[in-house]
Amino acid sequence: MIKKKGLGCNIALQFEVGDLVAWKDLSEAAKAGIIKEIYYKQQGGRPVAYARVFLVKGCKKNSPLRVEEVIIIKLRLLSERK
């Protein structure tokens, strides 16, 4: 029997904690942030890769730092952590 990988598992290997990423939702403007954590959730009987991202673009000035949960296949790498 062939074991199937979950959604976004291969893509998750391209990202690391601390990378600067961007993504866009259909109904919202583009957002950018720094990856805080990469993790997997079980959905539909298989693992799906997600990232918790500190939002740095797309939030109002002087607002507290927000963390968003984003499915990893939406993310685009802007800059790697050094």
Protein backbone atom coordinates (compact mmCIF):
# COMPACT_ATOMS: atom_id res chain seq x y z
CA MET A 1 0.00 0.00 0.00
CA ILE A 2 1.32 3.46 -0.93
CA LYS A 3 1.16 6.02 1.86
CA LYS A 4 -0.13 9.36 0.57
CA LYS A 5 1.26 12.63 1.87
CA GLY A 6 -1.04 15.36 3.01
CA LEU A 7 -1.95 18.62 1.31
CA GLY A 8 0.97 21.06 1.27
CA CYS A 9 3.50 18.70 2.89
CA ASN A 10 6.07 19.12 0.09
CA ILE A 11 5.50 22.88 -0.07
CA ALA A 12 5.98 23.16 3.71
CA LEU A 13 9.58 21.96 3.27
CA GLN A 14 10.34 25.18 1.34
CA PHE A 15 9.50 27.39 4.34
CA GLU A 16 11.14 27.88 7.73
CA VAL A 17 10.19 29.73 10.88
CA GLY A 18 11.23 33.37 10.46
CA ASP A 19 10.71 33.57 6.69
CA LEU A 20 8.91 36.63 5.32
CA VAL A 21 5.88 35.52 3.28
CA ALA A 22 2.92 37.05 1.45
CA TRP A 23 -0.55 35.77 0.59
CA LYS A 24 -3.88 37.07 -0.69
CA ASP A 25 -7.42 36.07 0.15
CA LEU A 26 -10.10 36.52 -2.48
CA SER A 27 -12.02 39.20 -0.62
CA GLU A 28 -9.09 41.06 0.98
CA ALA A 29 -5.95 42.98 0.07
CA ALA A 30 -2.57 41.25 0.01
CA LYS A 31 -1.03 40.49 3.39
CA ALA A 32 2.53 39.86 4.51
CA GLY A 33 3.98 38.37 7.63
CA ILE A 34 6.68 36.35 9.35
CA ILE A 35 6.19 32.62 9.93
CA LYS A 36 5.90 31.81 13.62
CA GLU A 37 5.12 28.09 13.34
CA ILE A 38 4.51 25.40 10.72
CA TYR A 39 2.19 22.57 11.76
CA TYR A 40 -0.24 19.98 10.43
CA LYS A 41 -3.96 19.54 11.11
CA GLN A 42 -6.00 16.48 10.25
CA GLN A 43 -8.74 17.41 7.76
CA GLY A 44 -10.72 15.10 5.53
CA GLY A 45 -8.74 12.12 6.76
CA ARG A 46 -5.30 13.48 5.81
CA PRO A 47 -2.79 15.98 7.20
CA VAL A 48 -2.94 19.54 5.87
CA ALA A 49 0.02 21.94 6.33
CA TYR A 50 -0.68 25.29 7.99
CA ALA A 51 1.44 28.18 9.21
CA ARG A 52 0.89 30.64 12.03
CA VAL A 53 2.09 34.00 10.73
CA PHE A 54 2.76 37.30 12.53
CA LEU A 55 0.94 39.85 10.38
CA VAL A 56 3.16 42.80 9.39
CA LYS A 57 1.25 44.16 6.37
CA GLY A 58 -2.49 44.46 6.26
CA CYS A 59 -3.08 45.56 9.84
CA LYS A 60 -3.72 49.05 11.14
CA LYS A 61 -0.97 51.22 12.60
CA ASN A 62 -0.50 51.09 16.37
CA SER A 63 -2.53 47.90 16.62
CA PRO A 64 -1.22 44.93 18.60
CA LEU A 65 0.68 42.25 16.70
CA ARG A 66 -1.77 39.76 15.19
CA VAL A 67 -1.23 36.11 14.39
CA GLU A 68 -3.13 34.50 11.52
CA GLU A 69 -3.52 30.84 10.61
CA VAL A 70 -2.89 30.35 6.88
CA ILE A 71 -2.97 27.18 4.80
CA ILE A 72 0.57 26.81 3.54
CA ILE A 73 -0.32 26.45 -0.15
CA LYS A 74 -1.40 30.13 -0.15
CA LEU A 75 2.02 31.42 0.94
CA ARG A 76 4.61 32.98 -1.34
CA LEU A 77 8.18 33.42 -0.07
CA LEU A 78 9.40 37.03 -0.07
CA SER A 79 12.62 36.63 1.91
CA GLU A 80 14.34 33.79 3.73
CA ARG A 81 15.39 34.10 7.35
CA LYS A 82 19.10 34.74 7.73
